[in-house]
Amino acid sequence: MWKLLFFTFLASAACKLLFGKWPWQFMQTKSTRSQALFRARKLLGVRENATREEVMQAHKQLLALVHPDRGGTNEQVHEANAARDILINELPYPTAKDTRGP
């Protein structure tokens, strides 16, 4: 029994040294919100710190491809709109200081 505990501890420590995480940390899943953000960024093809203008431009380009008049489906349009909304809602609101001119 002690051998099993010892080897389990040894394997856990080796995992921490090699990968920087404990074995049980590999089993944790990301939050639903972070998964949705990841999928939205991937669908629109924007980076993590994309601006509102970049998100809107990517959304416009995607809609041009998936619009029902061009062979796409309503579902694809709804997905693109949802991705845009998720990413826009994550952006920080500009403060009065940010909106003033130079």
Protein backbone atom coordinates (compact mmCIF):
# COMPACT_ATOMS: atom_id res chain seq x y z
CA MET A 1 0.00 0.00 0.00
CA TRP A 2 2.80 2.40 0.87
CA LYS A 3 4.53 1.62 -2.42
CA LEU A 4 1.39 2.60 -4.34
CA LEU A 5 1.10 5.89 -2.47
CA PHE A 6 4.79 6.59 -2.96
CA PHE A 7 4.67 5.93 -6.71
CA THR A 8 1.48 7.98 -7.06
CA PHE A 9 3.16 10.90 -5.32
CA LEU A 10 6.28 10.46 -7.43
CA ALA A 11 4.24 10.42 -10.67
CA SER A 12 2.31 13.51 -9.57
CA ALA A 13 5.50 15.39 -8.73
CA ALA A 14 7.05 14.38 -12.07
CA CYS A 15 3.95 15.66 -13.87
CA LYS A 16 4.21 18.98 -12.02
CA LEU A 17 7.89 19.32 -12.89
CA LEU A 18 7.51 18.38 -16.54
CA PHE A 19 4.25 20.13 -17.45
CA GLY A 20 3.87 22.77 -14.74
CA LYS A 21 0.49 21.38 -13.64
CA TRP A 22 -0.67 18.77 -11.22
CA PRO A 23 -2.41 15.77 -12.83
CA TRP A 24 -5.84 16.77 -11.48
CA GLN A 25 -5.49 20.21 -13.07
CA PHE A 26 -5.56 18.57 -16.50
CA MET A 27 -9.03 17.23 -15.75
CA GLN A 28 -10.54 20.65 -15.01
CA THR A 29 -12.69 22.09 -17.76
CA LYS A 30 -12.98 25.68 -18.82
CA SER A 31 -16.03 27.70 -17.90
CA THR A 32 -18.91 27.80 -20.32
CA ARG A 33 -18.37 31.53 -20.85
CA SER A 34 -14.71 31.10 -21.81
CA GLN A 35 -15.65 28.25 -24.16
CA ALA A 36 -18.26 30.46 -25.83
CA LEU A 37 -15.74 33.30 -26.22
CA PHE A 38 -13.20 30.91 -27.73
CA ARG A 39 -15.72 29.55 -30.23
CA ALA A 40 -16.92 33.06 -31.14
CA ARG A 41 -13.35 34.25 -31.77
CA LYS A 42 -12.64 31.15 -33.82
CA LEU A 43 -15.80 31.55 -35.89
CA LEU A 44 -15.13 35.20 -36.67
CA GLY A 45 -11.38 34.70 -36.96
CA VAL A 46 -10.38 37.51 -34.60
CA ARG A 47 -7.67 37.61 -31.96
CA GLU A 48 -8.34 37.69 -28.23
CA ASN A 49 -7.92 41.45 -27.84
CA ALA A 50 -9.75 42.46 -31.01
CA THR A 51 -11.36 45.88 -31.11
CA ARG A 52 -15.02 46.57 -31.78
CA GLU A 53 -14.20 47.61 -35.34
CA GLU A 54 -12.27 44.37 -36.00
CA VAL A 55 -15.14 42.27 -34.65
CA MET A 56 -17.68 44.16 -36.76
CA GLN A 57 -15.52 43.85 -39.89
CA ALA A 58 -15.02 40.11 -39.35
CA HIS A 59 -18.77 39.70 -38.78
CA LYS A 60 -19.53 41.58 -42.00
CA GLN A 61 -17.12 39.38 -43.98
CA LEU A 62 -18.57 36.19 -42.49
CA LEU A 63 -22.14 37.30 -43.26
CA ALA A 64 -21.15 37.87 -46.87
CA LEU A 65 -20.17 34.19 -47.04
CA VAL A 66 -23.01 32.57 -45.09
CA HIS A 67 -25.99 34.71 -46.10
CA PRO A 68 -28.94 32.63 -47.39
CA ASP A 69 -28.90 34.57 -50.67
CA ARG A 70 -25.38 33.27 -51.25
CA GLY A 71 -26.02 29.63 -50.39
CA GLY A 72 -25.74 29.83 -46.61
CA THR A 73 -28.42 29.10 -44.05
CA ASN A 74 -30.36 31.09 -41.49
CA GLU A 75 -28.67 29.04 -38.78
CA GLN A 76 -25.23 30.18 -39.94
CA VAL A 77 -26.37 33.81 -39.88
CA HIS A 78 -27.72 33.36 -36.36
CA GLU A 79 -24.41 31.81 -35.26
CA ALA A 80 -22.46 34.71 -36.75
CA ASN A 81 -24.74 37.23 -35.04
CA ALA A 82 -24.44 35.43 -31.70
CA ALA A 83 -20.63 35.35 -32.01
CA ARG A 84 -20.58 39.07 -32.74
CA ASP A 85 -22.86 39.82 -29.78
CA ILE A 86 -20.79 37.72 -27.37
CA LEU A 87 -17.55 39.42 -28.38
CA ILE A 88 -19.01 42.94 -28.39
CA ASN A 89 -20.48 42.37 -24.92
CA GLU A 90 -17.04 41.40 -23.61
CA LEU A 91 -15.46 44.67 -24.69
CA PRO A 92 -15.02 47.30 -22.00
CA TYR A 93 -17.30 50.29 -22.34
CA PRO A 94 -15.44 53.49 -23.23
CA THR A 95 -15.33 56.03 -20.46
CA ALA A 96 -16.06 59.73 -20.93
CA LYS A 97 -12.31 60.32 -20.88
CA ASP A 98 -11.84 57.87 -23.79
CA THR A 99 -14.55 59.44 -25.95
CA ARG A 100 -13.22 63.00 -25.78
CA GLY A 101 -11.09 64.17 -28.67
CA PRO A 102 -7.41 65.16 -28.41
